[in-house]
């Protein structure tokens, strides 16, 4: 009985960690990122979300990412996500597949920082 309880608690802890704990090596950057040759902007929001810009961004919703991740070039990636949950799952998936994710930005950003960062602007 104790083995079953321990297994269940371990399984729940792993699921919570995967979803809700951020990936530490990838910084959050504000959304004013411009497309360059060096960085690919990957938009993982749904197709029907409003306000999606298709100017040089690669759009693959998170639900389709396991099927179409091989279409992403092997270059550094900036991920645009709707919320932290989708972003965490995407970052873990991409790093597991060997991609270099440099940064991410959220459309529902909870940060109250007034500081604007433009790391990839040309």
PDB file of N, CA and C in Angstrom:
ATOM      1  N   UNK A   1       0.818  -1.194   0.000  1.00  0.00           N
ATOM      2  CA  UNK A   1       0.000   0.000   0.000  1.00  0.00           C
ATOM      3  C   UNK A   1       0.864   1.262   0.000  1.00  0.00           C
ATOM      4  N   UNK A   2       1.952   1.224   0.767  1.00  0.00           N
ATOM      5  CA  UNK A   2       2.817   2.401   0.838  1.00  0.00           C
ATOM      6  C   UNK A   2       3.538   2.636  -0.473  1.00  0.00           C
ATOM      7  N   UNK A   3       3.831   1.565  -1.231  1.00  0.00           N
ATOM      8  CA  UNK A   3       4.482   1.700  -2.522  1.00  0.00           C
ATOM      9  C   UNK A   3       3.548   2.373  -3.526  1.00  0.00           C
ATOM     10  N   UNK A   4       2.301   2.037  -3.474  1.00  0.00           N
ATOM     11  CA  UNK A   4       1.324   2.648  -4.374  1.00  0.00           C
ATOM     12  C   UNK A   4       1.167   4.129  -4.059  1.00  0.00           C
ATOM     13  N   UNK A   5       1.097   4.454  -2.783  1.00  0.00           N
ATOM     14  CA  UNK A   5       0.967   5.849  -2.372  1.00  0.00           C
ATOM     15  C   UNK A   5       2.216   6.652  -2.752  1.00  0.00           C
ATOM     16  N   UNK A   6       3.387   6.091  -2.563  1.00  0.00           N
ATOM     17  CA  UNK A   6       4.631   6.760  -2.934  1.00  0.00           C
ATOM     18  C   UNK A   6       4.718   6.956  -4.444  1.00  0.00           C
ATOM     19  N   UNK A   7       4.325   5.961  -5.206  1.00  0.00           N
ATOM     20  CA  UNK A   7       4.330   6.071  -6.664  1.00  0.00           C
ATOM     21  C   UNK A   7       3.367   7.152  -7.136  1.00  0.00           C
ATOM     22  N   UNK A   8       2.206   7.207  -6.527  1.00  0.00           N
ATOM     23  CA  UNK A   8       1.211   8.214  -6.902  1.00  0.00           C
ATOM     24  C   UNK A   8       1.705   9.622  -6.590  1.00  0.00           C
ATOM     25  N   UNK A   9       2.288   9.821  -5.435  1.00  0.00           N
ATOM     26  CA  UNK A   9       2.800  11.140  -5.043  1.00  0.00           C
ATOM     27  C   UNK A   9       3.948  11.555  -5.961  1.00  0.00           C
ATOM     28  N   UNK A  10       4.808  10.620  -6.317  1.00  0.00           N
ATOM     29  CA  UNK A  10       5.908  10.914  -7.233  1.00  0.00           C
ATOM     30  C   UNK A  10       5.383  11.301  -8.614  1.00  0.00           C
ATOM     31  N   UNK A  11       4.389  10.600  -9.104  1.00  0.00           N
ATOM     32  CA  UNK A  11       3.803  10.892 -10.405  1.00  0.00           C
ATOM     33  C   UNK A  11       3.167  12.286 -10.422  1.00  0.00           C
ATOM     34  N   UNK A  12       2.447  12.632  -9.381  1.00  0.00           N
ATOM     35  CA  UNK A  12       1.821  13.952  -9.292  1.00  0.00           C
ATOM     36  C   UNK A  12       2.880  15.045  -9.197  1.00  0.00           C
ATOM     37  N   UNK A  13       3.939  14.804  -8.443  1.00  0.00           N
ATOM     38  CA  UNK A  13       5.006  15.796  -8.308  1.00  0.00           C
ATOM     39  C   UNK A  13       5.708  16.038  -9.645  1.00  0.00           C
ATOM     40  N   UNK A  14       5.951  15.000 -10.412  1.00  0.00           N
ATOM     41  CA  UNK A  14       6.597  15.142 -11.717  1.00  0.00           C
ATOM     42  C   UNK A  14       5.687  15.911 -12.677  1.00  0.00           C
ATOM     43  N   UNK A  15       4.402  15.615 -12.666  1.00  0.00           N
ATOM     44  CA  UNK A  15       3.462  16.320 -13.538  1.00  0.00           C
ATOM     45  C   UNK A  15       3.385  17.802 -13.179  1.00  0.00           C
ATOM     46  N   UNK A  16       3.340  18.114 -11.909  1.00  0.00           N
ATOM     47  CA  UNK A  16       3.286  19.514 -11.482  1.00  0.00           C
ATOM     48  C   UNK A  16       4.577  20.242 -11.831  1.00  0.00           C
ATOM     49  N   UNK A  17       5.700  19.588 -11.661  1.00  0.00           N
ATOM     50  CA  UNK A  17       6.985  20.199 -11.995  1.00  0.00           C
ATOM     51  C   UNK A  17       7.063  20.527 -13.482  1.00  0.00           C
ATOM     52  N   UNK A  18       6.670  19.583 -14.315  1.00  0.00           N
ATOM     53  CA  UNK A  18       6.732  19.777 -15.760  1.00  0.00           C
ATOM     54  C   UNK A  18       5.880  20.939 -16.222  1.00  0.00           C
ATOM     55  N   UNK A  19       4.736  21.120 -15.615  1.00  0.00           N
ATOM     56  CA  UNK A  19       3.803  22.149 -16.062  1.00  0.00           C
ATOM     57  C   UNK A  19       4.069  23.517 -15.465  1.00  0.00           C
ATOM     58  N   UNK A  20       4.376  23.607 -14.201  1.00  0.00           N
ATOM     59  CA  UNK A  20       4.316  24.883 -13.512  1.00  0.00           C
ATOM     60  C   UNK A  20       5.657  25.487 -13.104  1.00  0.00           C
ATOM     61  N   UNK A  21       6.726  24.729 -13.100  1.00  0.00           N
ATOM     62  CA  UNK A  21       8.024  25.292 -12.745  1.00  0.00           C
ATOM     63  C   UNK A  21       8.723  25.763 -14.006  1.00  0.00           C
ATOM     64  N   UNK A  22       9.225  26.990 -14.016  1.00  0.00           N
ATOM     65  CA  UNK A  22       9.824  27.528 -15.239  1.00  0.00           C
ATOM     66  C   UNK A  22      11.161  26.872 -15.576  1.00  0.00           C
ATOM     67  N   UNK A  23      11.513  26.958 -16.843  1.00  0.00           N
ATOM     68  CA  UNK A  23      12.811  26.500 -17.304  1.00  0.00           C
ATOM     69  C   UNK A  23      13.793  27.619 -16.984  1.00  0.00           C
ATOM     70  N   UNK A  24      14.771  27.360 -16.156  1.00  0.00           N
ATOM     71  CA  UNK A  24      15.625  28.412 -15.599  1.00  0.00           C
ATOM     72  C   UNK A  24      16.589  29.030 -16.599  1.00  0.00           C
ATOM     73  N   UNK A  25      17.013  28.321 -17.574  1.00  0.00           N
ATOM     74  CA  UNK A  25      18.044  28.842 -18.476  1.00  0.00           C
ATOM     75  C   UNK A  25      17.487  29.722 -19.592  1.00  0.00           C
ATOM     76  N   UNK A  26      16.163  29.897 -19.658  1.00  0.00           N
ATOM     77  CA  UNK A  26      15.547  30.672 -20.734  1.00  0.00           C
ATOM     78  C   UNK A  26      14.888  31.913 -20.134  1.00  0.00           C
ATOM     79  N   UNK A  27      15.344  33.128 -20.514  1.00  0.00           N
ATOM     80  CA  UNK A  27      14.784  34.351 -19.935  1.00  0.00           C
ATOM     81  C   UNK A  27      13.505  34.798 -20.627  1.00  0.00           C
ATOM     82  N   UNK A  28      12.669  35.495 -19.886  1.00  0.00           N
ATOM     83  CA  UNK A  28      11.459  36.115 -20.435  1.00  0.00           C
ATOM     84  C   UNK A  28      11.840  37.492 -20.962  1.00  0.00           C
ATOM     85  N   UNK A  29      11.429  37.780 -22.188  1.00  0.00           N
ATOM     86  CA  UNK A  29      11.754  39.039 -22.840  1.00  0.00           C
ATOM     87  C   UNK A  29      10.440  39.654 -23.306  1.00  0.00           C
ATOM     88  N   UNK A  30      10.379  40.979 -23.321  1.00  0.00           N
ATOM     89  CA  UNK A  30       9.169  41.628 -23.803  1.00  0.00           C
ATOM     90  C   UNK A  30       8.954  41.308 -25.274  1.00  0.00           C
ATOM     91  N   UNK A  31       7.779  41.600 -25.753  1.00  0.00           N
ATOM     92  CA  UNK A  31       7.343  41.102 -27.048  1.00  0.00           C
ATOM     93  C   UNK A  31       7.877  41.857 -28.260  1.00  0.00           C
ATOM     94  N   UNK A  32       8.668  42.869 -28.101  1.00  0.00           N
ATOM     95  CA  UNK A  32       9.136  43.661 -29.229  1.00  0.00           C
ATOM     96  C   UNK A  32      10.394  43.041 -29.833  1.00  0.00           C
ATOM     97  N   UNK A  33      10.257  41.845 -30.335  1.00  0.00           N
ATOM     98  CA  UNK A  33      11.373  41.128 -30.940  1.00  0.00           C
ATOM     99  C   UNK A  33      11.217  41.217 -32.451  1.00  0.00           C
ATOM    100  N   UNK A  34      12.282  41.557 -33.143  1.00  0.00           N
ATOM    101  CA  UNK A  34      12.246  41.618 -34.590  1.00  0.00           C
ATOM    102  C   UNK A  34      12.917  40.382 -35.160  1.00  0.00           C
ATOM    103  N   UNK A  35      12.424  39.963 -36.311  1.00  0.00           N
ATOM    104  CA  UNK A  35      12.972  38.791 -36.965  1.00  0.00           C
ATOM    105  C   UNK A  35      14.337  39.112 -37.564  1.00  0.00           C
ATOM    106  N   UNK A  36      15.290  38.265 -37.296  1.00  0.00           N
ATOM    107  CA  UNK A  36      16.609  38.373 -37.910  1.00  0.00           C
ATOM    108  C   UNK A  36      16.977  37.024 -38.495  1.00  0.00           C
ATOM    109  N   UNK A  37      18.131  36.983 -39.157  1.00  0.00           N
ATOM    110  CA  UNK A  37      18.576  35.710 -39.728  1.00  0.00           C
ATOM    111  C   UNK A  37      19.009  34.733 -38.647  1.00  0.00           C
ATOM    112  N   UNK A  38      19.426  35.266 -37.505  1.00  0.00           N
ATOM    113  CA  UNK A  38      19.988  34.415 -36.467  1.00  0.00           C
ATOM    114  C   UNK A  38      18.947  33.790 -35.548  1.00  0.00           C
ATOM    115  N   UNK A  39      17.797  34.444 -35.391  1.00  0.00           N
ATOM    116  CA  UNK A  39      16.795  33.986 -34.425  1.00  0.00           C
ATOM    117  C   UNK A  39      15.475  33.719 -35.132  1.00  0.00           C
ATOM    118  N   UNK A  40      14.885  32.572 -34.858  1.00  0.00           N
ATOM    119  CA  UNK A  40      13.578  32.226 -35.396  1.00  0.00           C
ATOM    120  C   UNK A  40      12.533  32.521 -34.322  1.00  0.00           C
ATOM    121  N   UNK A  41      11.483  33.224 -34.693  1.00  0.00           N
ATOM    122  CA  UNK A  41      10.390  33.491 -33.763  1.00  0.00           C
ATOM    123  C   UNK A  41       9.340  32.411 -33.989  1.00  0.00           C
ATOM    124  N   UNK A  42       9.115  31.604 -32.967  1.00  0.00           N
ATOM    125  CA  UNK A  42       8.155  30.503 -33.026  1.00  0.00           C
ATOM    126  C   UNK A  42       6.929  30.882 -32.216  1.00  0.00           C
ATOM    127  N   UNK A  43       5.800  31.020 -32.880  1.00  0.00           N
ATOM    128  CA  UNK A  43       4.545  31.382 -32.241  1.00  0.00           C
ATOM    129  C   UNK A  43       3.762  30.103 -31.976  1.00  0.00           C
ATOM    130  N   UNK A  44       3.546  29.774 -30.695  1.00  0.00           N
ATOM    131  CA  UNK A  44       2.865  28.523 -30.358  1.00  0.00           C
ATOM    132  C   UNK A  44       1.427  28.751 -29.919  1.00  0.00           C
ATOM    133  N   UNK A  45       0.903  29.955 -30.156  1.00  0.00           N
ATOM    134  CA  UNK A  45      -0.495  30.221 -29.817  1.00  0.00           C
ATOM    135  C   UNK A  45      -1.406  29.550 -30.831  1.00  0.00           C
ATOM    136  N   UNK A  46      -2.681  29.422 -30.491  1.00  0.00           N
ATOM    137  CA  UNK A  46      -3.651  28.801 -31.390  1.00  0.00           C
ATOM    138  C   UNK A  46      -3.825  29.638 -32.651  1.00  0.00           C
ATOM    139  N   UNK A  47      -4.282  28.986 -33.717  1.00  0.00           N
ATOM    140  CA  UNK A  47      -4.489  29.686 -34.979  1.00  0.00           C
ATOM    141  C   UNK A  47      -5.579  30.755 -34.865  1.00  0.00           C
ATOM    142  N   UNK A  48      -6.570  30.531 -34.029  1.00  0.00           N
ATOM    143  CA  UNK A  48      -7.693  31.459 -33.949  1.00  0.00           C
ATOM    144  C   UNK A  48      -7.516  32.561 -32.915  1.00  0.00           C
ATOM    145  N   UNK A  49      -6.345  32.670 -32.289  1.00  0.00           N
ATOM    146  CA  UNK A  49      -6.088  33.787 -31.384  1.00  0.00           C
ATOM    147  C   UNK A  49      -5.965  35.067 -32.191  1.00  0.00           C
ATOM    148  N   UNK A  50      -6.551  36.122 -31.676  1.00  0.00           N
ATOM    149  CA  UNK A  50      -6.475  37.385 -32.403  1.00  0.00           C
ATOM    150  C   UNK A  50      -5.148  38.081 -32.114  1.00  0.00           C
ATOM    151  N   UNK A  51      -4.726  38.900 -33.033  1.00  0.00           N
ATOM    152  CA  UNK A  51      -3.500  39.659 -32.848  1.00  0.00           C
ATOM    153  C   UNK A  51      -2.243  38.906 -33.215  1.00  0.00           C
ATOM    154  N   UNK A  52      -2.354  37.872 -34.005  1.00  0.00           N
ATOM    155  CA  UNK A  52      -1.169  37.119 -34.396  1.00  0.00           C
ATOM    156  C   UNK A  52      -0.549  37.775 -35.617  1.00  0.00           C
ATOM    157  N   UNK A  53       0.717  38.095 -35.512  1.00  0.00           N
ATOM    158  CA  UNK A  53       1.449  38.686 -36.625  1.00  0.00           C
ATOM    159  C   UNK A  53       2.169  37.584 -37.372  1.00  0.00           C
ATOM    160  N   UNK A  54       2.025  37.574 -38.689  1.00  0.00           N
ATOM    161  CA  UNK A  54       2.696  36.555 -39.491  1.00  0.00           C
ATOM    162  C   UNK A  54       3.875  37.124 -40.262  1.00  0.00           C
ATOM    163  N   UNK A  55       4.474  38.186 -39.765  1.00  0.00           N
ATOM    164  CA  UNK A  55       5.593  38.811 -40.460  1.00  0.00           C
ATOM    165  C   UNK A  55       6.902  38.112 -40.109  1.00  0.00           C
ATOM    166  N   UNK A  56       7.168  37.041 -40.800  1.00  0.00           N
ATOM    167  CA  UNK A  56       8.421  36.331 -40.589  1.00  0.00           C
ATOM    168  C   UNK A  56       8.418  35.361 -39.421  1.00  0.00           C
ATOM    169  N   UNK A  57       7.309  35.206 -38.738  1.00  0.00           N
ATOM    170  CA  UNK A  57       7.264  34.266 -37.623  1.00  0.00           C
ATOM    171  C   UNK A  57       6.822  32.898 -38.127  1.00  0.00           C
ATOM    172  N   UNK A  58       7.250  31.896 -37.429  1.00  0.00           N
ATOM    173  CA  UNK A  58       6.839  30.540 -37.742  1.00  0.00           C
ATOM    174  C   UNK A  58       5.758  30.164 -36.744  1.00  0.00           C
ATOM    175  N   UNK A  59       4.581  29.833 -37.225  1.00  0.00           N
ATOM    176  CA  UNK A  59       3.474  29.551 -36.325  1.00  0.00           C
ATOM    177  C   UNK A  59       3.140  28.066 -36.321  1.00  0.00           C
ATOM    178  N   UNK A  60       3.391  27.454 -35.170  1.00  0.00           N
ATOM    179  CA  UNK A  60       3.021  26.059 -34.937  1.00  0.00           C
ATOM    180  C   UNK A  60       2.383  26.023 -33.555  1.00  0.00           C
ATOM    181  N   UNK A  61       1.065  25.854 -33.457  1.00  0.00           N
ATOM    182  CA  UNK A  61       0.442  25.782 -32.126  1.00  0.00           C
ATOM    183  C   UNK A  61       1.019  24.629 -31.307  1.00  0.00           C
ATOM    184  N   UNK A  62       0.989  24.787 -29.986  1.00  0.00           N
ATOM    185  CA  UNK A  62       1.601  23.786 -29.120  1.00  0.00           C
ATOM    186  C   UNK A  62       1.008  22.403 -29.342  1.00  0.00           C
ATOM    187  N   UNK A  63      -0.277  22.320 -29.625  1.00  0.00           N
ATOM    188  CA  UNK A  63      -0.910  21.014 -29.837  1.00  0.00           C
ATOM    189  C   UNK A  63      -0.327  20.290 -31.052  1.00  0.00           C
ATOM    190  N   UNK A  64       0.174  21.033 -32.030  1.00  0.00           N
ATOM    191  CA  UNK A  64       0.743  20.444 -33.240  1.00  0.00           C
ATOM    192  C   UNK A  64       2.262  20.317 -33.188  1.00  0.00           C
ATOM    193  N   UNK A  65       2.867  20.786 -32.147  1.00  0.00           N
ATOM    194  CA  UNK A  65       4.325  20.807 -32.063  1.00  0.00           C
ATOM    195  C   UNK A  65       4.968  19.418 -32.125  1.00  0.00           C
ATOM    196  N   UNK A  66       4.447  18.399 -31.432  1.00  0.00           N
ATOM    197  CA  UNK A  66       5.074  17.075 -31.559  1.00  0.00           C
ATOM    198  C   UNK A  66       5.035  16.511 -32.982  1.00  0.00           C
ATOM    199  N   UNK A  67       4.086  16.942 -33.777  1.00  0.00           N
ATOM    200  CA  UNK A  67       3.970  16.449 -35.142  1.00  0.00           C
ATOM    201  C   UNK A  67       4.854  17.228 -36.117  1.00  0.00           C
ATOM    202  N   UNK A  68       5.009  18.543 -35.903  1.00  0.00           N
ATOM    203  CA  UNK A  68       5.685  19.390 -36.882  1.00  0.00           C
ATOM    204  C   UNK A  68       6.986  20.008 -36.381  1.00  0.00           C
ATOM    205  N   UNK A  69       7.553  19.530 -35.298  1.00  0.00           N
ATOM    206  CA  UNK A  69       8.782  20.134 -34.788  1.00  0.00           C
ATOM    207  C   UNK A  69       9.952  19.953 -35.744  1.00  0.00           C
ATOM    208  N   UNK A  70       9.903  18.947 -36.609  1.00  0.00           N
ATOM    209  CA  UNK A  70      11.001  18.725 -37.545  1.00  0.00           C
ATOM    210  C   UNK A  70      11.053  19.767 -38.657  1.00  0.00           C
ATOM    211  N   UNK A  71      10.025  20.623 -38.787  1.00  0.00           N
ATOM    212  CA  UNK A  71      10.042  21.704 -39.769  1.00  0.00           C
ATOM    213  C   UNK A  71      10.752  22.952 -39.248  1.00  0.00           C
ATOM    214  N   UNK A  72      11.078  22.975 -37.964  1.00  0.00           N
ATOM    215  CA  UNK A  72      11.760  24.125 -37.374  1.00  0.00           C
ATOM    216  C   UNK A  72      13.252  24.013 -37.683  1.00  0.00           C
ATOM    217  N   UNK A  73      13.840  25.065 -38.269  1.00  0.00           N
ATOM    218  CA  UNK A  73      15.286  25.014 -38.542  1.00  0.00           C
ATOM    219  C   UNK A  73      16.097  24.950 -37.246  1.00  0.00           C
ATOM    220  N   UNK A  74      17.267  24.389 -37.331  1.00  0.00           N
ATOM    221  CA  UNK A  74      18.145  24.257 -36.164  1.00  0.00           C
ATOM    222  C   UNK A  74      18.905  25.552 -35.922  1.00  0.00           C
ATOM    223  N   UNK A  75      18.187  26.590 -35.527  1.00  0.00           N
ATOM    224  CA  UNK A  75      18.749  27.887 -35.193  1.00  0.00           C
ATOM    225  C   UNK A  75      18.207  28.272 -33.822  1.00  0.00           C
ATOM    226  N   UNK A  76      18.780  29.300 -33.195  1.00  0.00           N
ATOM    227  CA  UNK A  76      18.222  29.768 -31.921  1.00  0.00           C
ATOM    228  C   UNK A  76      16.770  30.224 -32.094  1.00  0.00           C
ATOM    229  N   UNK A  77      15.957  29.970 -31.081  1.00  0.00           N
ATOM    230  CA  UNK A  77      14.518  30.201 -31.174  1.00  0.00           C
ATOM    231  C   UNK A  77      14.062  31.169 -30.085  1.00  0.00           C
ATOM    232  N   UNK A  78      13.131  32.044 -30.444  1.00  0.00           N
ATOM    233  CA  UNK A  78      12.390  32.869 -29.491  1.00  0.00           C
ATOM    234  C   UNK A  78      10.949  32.386 -29.555  1.00  0.00           C
ATOM    235  N   UNK A  79      10.379  31.977 -28.420  1.00  0.00           N
ATOM    236  CA  UNK A  79       9.034  31.421 -28.367  1.00  0.00           C
ATOM    237  C   UNK A  79       8.054  32.495 -27.918  1.00  0.00           C
ATOM    238  N   UNK A  80       6.933  32.613 -28.643  1.00  0.00           N
ATOM    239  CA  UNK A  80       5.832  33.492 -28.254  1.00  0.00           C
ATOM    240  C   UNK A  80       4.682  32.593 -27.834  1.00  0.00           C
ATOM    241  N   UNK A  81       4.257  32.728 -26.578  1.00  0.00           N
ATOM    242  CA  UNK A  81       3.194  31.882 -26.041  1.00  0.00           C
ATOM    243  C   UNK A  81       2.096  32.738 -25.432  1.00  0.00           C
ATOM    244  N   UNK A  82       0.934  32.130 -25.242  1.00  0.00           N
ATOM    245  CA  UNK A  82      -0.187  32.847 -24.652  1.00  0.00           C
ATOM    246  C   UNK A  82      -0.066  32.921 -23.144  1.00  0.00           C
ATOM    247  N   UNK A  83       0.306  31.823 -22.518  1.00  0.00           N
ATOM    248  CA  UNK A  83       0.412  31.814 -21.061  1.00  0.00           C
ATOM    249  C   UNK A  83       1.619  30.985 -20.629  1.00  0.00           C
ATOM    250  N   UNK A  84       1.891  31.021 -19.355  1.00  0.00           N
ATOM    251  CA  UNK A  84       3.083  30.377 -18.791  1.00  0.00           C
ATOM    252  C   UNK A  84       3.026  28.855 -18.914  1.00  0.00           C
ATOM    253  N   UNK A  85       1.848  28.280 -18.806  1.00  0.00           N
ATOM    254  CA  UNK A  85       1.709  26.829 -18.891  1.00  0.00           C
ATOM    255  C   UNK A  85       2.129  26.313 -20.266  1.00  0.00           C
ATOM    256  N   UNK A  86       1.591  26.910 -21.328  1.00  0.00           N
ATOM    257  CA  UNK A  86       1.973  26.500 -22.678  1.00  0.00           C
ATOM    258  C   UNK A  86       3.459  26.729 -22.923  1.00  0.00           C
ATOM    259  N   UNK A  87       3.952  27.829 -22.406  1.00  0.00           N
ATOM    260  CA  UNK A  87       5.363  28.149 -22.595  1.00  0.00           C
ATOM    261  C   UNK A  87       6.264  27.118 -21.914  1.00  0.00           C
ATOM    262  N   UNK A  88       5.967  26.764 -20.681  1.00  0.00           N
ATOM    263  CA  UNK A  88       6.786  25.777 -19.967  1.00  0.00           C
ATOM    264  C   UNK A  88       6.802  24.438 -20.686  1.00  0.00           C
ATOM    265  N   UNK A  89       5.635  23.974 -21.123  1.00  0.00           N
ATOM    266  CA  UNK A  89       5.567  22.699 -21.820  1.00  0.00           C
ATOM    267  C   UNK A  89       6.333  22.751 -23.142  1.00  0.00           C
ATOM    268  N   UNK A  90       6.210  23.863 -23.862  1.00  0.00           N
ATOM    269  CA  UNK A  90       6.913  24.010 -25.133  1.00  0.00           C
ATOM    270  C   UNK A  90       8.421  24.066 -24.939  1.00  0.00           C
ATOM    271  N   UNK A  91       8.877  24.842 -23.960  1.00  0.00           N
ATOM    272  CA  UNK A  91      10.319  24.957 -23.728  1.00  0.00           C
ATOM    273  C   UNK A  91      10.924  23.618 -23.348  1.00  0.00           C
ATOM    274  N   UNK A  92      10.247  22.870 -22.510  1.00  0.00           N
ATOM    275  CA  UNK A  92      10.760  21.548 -22.135  1.00  0.00           C
ATOM    276  C   UNK A  92      10.792  20.606 -23.335  1.00  0.00           C
ATOM    277  N   UNK A  93       9.759  20.670 -24.177  1.00  0.00           N
ATOM    278  CA  UNK A  93       9.714  19.809 -25.356  1.00  0.00           C
ATOM    279  C   UNK A  93      10.842  20.155 -26.326  1.00  0.00           C
ATOM    280  N   UNK A  94      11.014  21.457 -26.612  1.00  0.00           N
ATOM    281  CA  UNK A  94      12.033  21.862 -27.580  1.00  0.00           C
ATOM    282  C   UNK A  94      13.447  21.576 -27.091  1.00  0.00           C
ATOM    283  N   UNK A  95      13.721  21.827 -25.815  1.00  0.00           N
ATOM    284  CA  UNK A  95      15.061  21.534 -25.307  1.00  0.00           C
ATOM    285  C   UNK A  95      15.321  20.026 -25.276  1.00  0.00           C
ATOM    286  N   UNK A  96      14.281  19.246 -25.046  1.00  0.00           N
ATOM    287  CA  UNK A  96      14.429  17.790 -25.078  1.00  0.00           C
ATOM    288  C   UNK A  96      14.756  17.292 -26.487  1.00  0.00           C
ATOM    289  N   UNK A  97      14.237  17.995 -27.497  1.00  0.00           N
ATOM    290  CA  UNK A  97      14.496  17.615 -28.886  1.00  0.00           C
ATOM    291  C   UNK A  97      15.785  18.211 -29.436  1.00  0.00           C
ATOM    292  N   UNK A  98      16.523  18.977 -28.623  1.00  0.00           N
ATOM    293  CA  UNK A  98      17.821  19.463 -29.027  1.00  0.00           C
ATOM    294  C   UNK A  98      17.857  20.869 -29.594  1.00  0.00           C
ATOM    295  N   UNK A  99      16.777  21.631 -29.473  1.00  0.00           N
ATOM    296  CA  UNK A  99      16.750  23.003 -29.964  1.00  0.00           C
ATOM    297  C   UNK A  99      17.338  23.952 -28.926  1.00  0.00           C
ATOM    298  N   UNK A 100      17.902  25.050 -29.403  1.00  0.00           N
ATOM    299  CA  UNK A 100      18.450  26.087 -28.525  1.00  0.00           C
ATOM    300  C   UNK A 100      17.403  27.195 -28.428  1.00  0.00           C
ATOM    301  N   UNK A 101      16.724  27.271 -27.297  1.00  0.00           N
ATOM    302  CA  UNK A 101      15.719  28.303 -27.065  1.00  0.00           C
ATOM    303  C   UNK A 101      16.401  29.424 -26.296  1.00  0.00           C
ATOM    304  N   UNK A 102      16.481  30.611 -26.916  1.00  0.00           N
ATOM    305  CA  UNK A 102      17.180  31.727 -26.294  1.00  0.00           C
ATOM    306  C   UNK A 102      16.293  32.529 -25.366  1.00  0.00           C
ATOM    307  N   UNK A 103      15.010  32.700 -25.730  1.00  0.00           N
ATOM    308  CA  UNK A 103      14.128  33.540 -24.917  1.00  0.00           C
ATOM    309  C   UNK A 103      12.681  33.207 -25.243  1.00  0.00           C
ATOM    310  N   UNK A 104      11.786  33.788 -24.466  1.00  0.00           N
ATOM    311  CA  UNK A 104      10.364  33.639 -24.724  1.00  0.00           C
ATOM    312  C   UNK A 104       9.656  34.921 -24.316  1.00  0.00           C
ATOM    313  N   UNK A 105       8.434  35.084 -24.812  1.00  0.00           N
ATOM    314  CA  UNK A 105       7.583  36.193 -24.385  1.00  0.00           C
ATOM    315  C   UNK A 105       6.149  35.681 -24.286  1.00  0.00           C
ATOM    316  N   UNK A 106       5.383  36.301 -23.410  1.00  0.00           N
ATOM    317  CA  UNK A 106       4.011  35.902 -23.149  1.00  0.00           C
ATOM    318  C   UNK A 106       3.062  37.019 -23.538  1.00  0.00           C
ATOM    319  N   UNK A 107       1.909  36.653 -24.084  1.00  0.00           N
ATOM    320  CA  UNK A 107       0.905  37.673 -24.375  1.00  0.00           C
ATOM    321  C   UNK A 107       0.120  38.021 -23.120  1.00  0.00           C
ATOM    322  N   UNK A 108      -0.010  37.085 -22.212  1.00  0.00           N
ATOM    323  CA  UNK A 108      -0.651  37.321 -20.915  1.00  0.00           C
ATOM    324  C   UNK A 108       0.439  37.417 -19.850  1.00  0.00           C
ATOM    325  N   UNK A 109       1.287  38.412 -19.980  1.00  0.00           N
ATOM    326  CA  UNK A 109       2.460  38.527 -19.115  1.00  0.00           C
ATOM    327  C   UNK A 109       2.070  39.058 -17.732  1.00  0.00           C
ATOM    328  N   UNK A 110       2.382  38.344 -16.670  1.00  0.00           N
ATOM    329  CA  UNK A 110       2.048  38.794 -15.322  1.00  0.00           C
ATOM    330  C   UNK A 110       3.080  39.743 -14.718  1.00  0.00           C
ATOM    331  N   UNK A 111       4.178  39.963 -15.414  1.00  0.00           N
ATOM    332  CA  UNK A 111       5.225  40.803 -14.825  1.00  0.00           C
ATOM    333  C   UNK A 111       4.804  42.270 -14.830  1.00  0.00           C
ATOM    334  N   UNK A 112       5.224  42.974 -13.817  1.00  0.00           N
ATOM    335  CA  UNK A 112       4.899  44.385 -13.682  1.00  0.00           C
ATOM    336  C   UNK A 112       6.103  45.251 -13.991  1.00  0.00           C
ATOM    337  N   UNK A 113       7.088  44.693 -14.640  1.00  0.00           N
ATOM    338  CA  UNK A 113       8.323  45.410 -14.912  1.00  0.00           C
ATOM    339  C   UNK A 113       8.090  46.472 -15.977  1.00  0.00           C
ATOM    340  N   UNK A 114       8.597  47.663 -15.739  1.00  0.00           N
ATOM    341  CA  UNK A 114       8.513  48.748 -16.707  1.00  0.00           C
ATOM    342  C   UNK A 114       9.707  48.757 -17.647  1.00  0.00           C
ATOM    343  N   UNK A 115      10.688  47.933 -17.341  1.00  0.00           N
ATOM    344  CA  UNK A 115      11.900  47.882 -18.137  1.00  0.00           C
ATOM    345  C   UNK A 115      11.620  47.167 -19.452  1.00  0.00           C
ATOM    346  N   UNK A 116      12.038  47.733 -20.563  1.00  0.00           N
ATOM    347  CA  UNK A 116      11.852  47.137 -21.872  1.00  0.00           C
ATOM    348  C   UNK A 116      13.189  46.636 -22.366  1.00  0.00           C
ATOM    349  N   UNK A 117      13.214  45.408 -22.829  1.00  0.00           N
ATOM    350  CA  UNK A 117      14.440  44.785 -23.308  1.00  0.00           C
ATOM    351  C   UNK A 117      14.274  44.473 -24.785  1.00  0.00           C
ATOM    352  N   UNK A 118      15.228  44.881 -25.596  1.00  0.00           N
ATOM    353  CA  UNK A 118      15.205  44.619 -27.026  1.00  0.00           C
ATOM    354  C   UNK A 118      16.477  43.894 -27.422  1.00  0.00           C
ATOM    355  N   UNK A 119      16.604  42.602 -27.156  1.00  0.00           N
ATOM    356  CA  UNK A 119      17.888  41.949 -27.396  1.00  0.00           C
ATOM    357  C   UNK A 119      18.189  41.643 -28.851  1.00  0.00           C
ATOM    358  N   UNK A 120      17.174  41.482 -29.701  1.00  0.00           N
ATOM    359  CA  UNK A 120      17.434  41.034 -31.066  1.00  0.00           C
ATOM    360  C   UNK A 120      17.032  42.078 -32.089  1.00  0.00           C
ATOM    361  N   UNK A 121      16.842  43.304 -31.701  1.00  0.00           N
ATOM    362  CA  UNK A 121      16.449  44.317 -32.675  1.00  0.00           C
ATOM    363  C   UNK A 121      17.653  44.691 -33.527  1.00  0.00           C
ATOM    364  N   UNK A 122      17.387  44.940 -34.773  1.00  0.00           N
ATOM    365  CA  UNK A 122      18.461  45.252 -35.709  1.00  0.00           C
ATOM    366  C   UNK A 122      18.670  46.740 -35.843  1.00  0.00           C
TER     367      UNK A 122
END
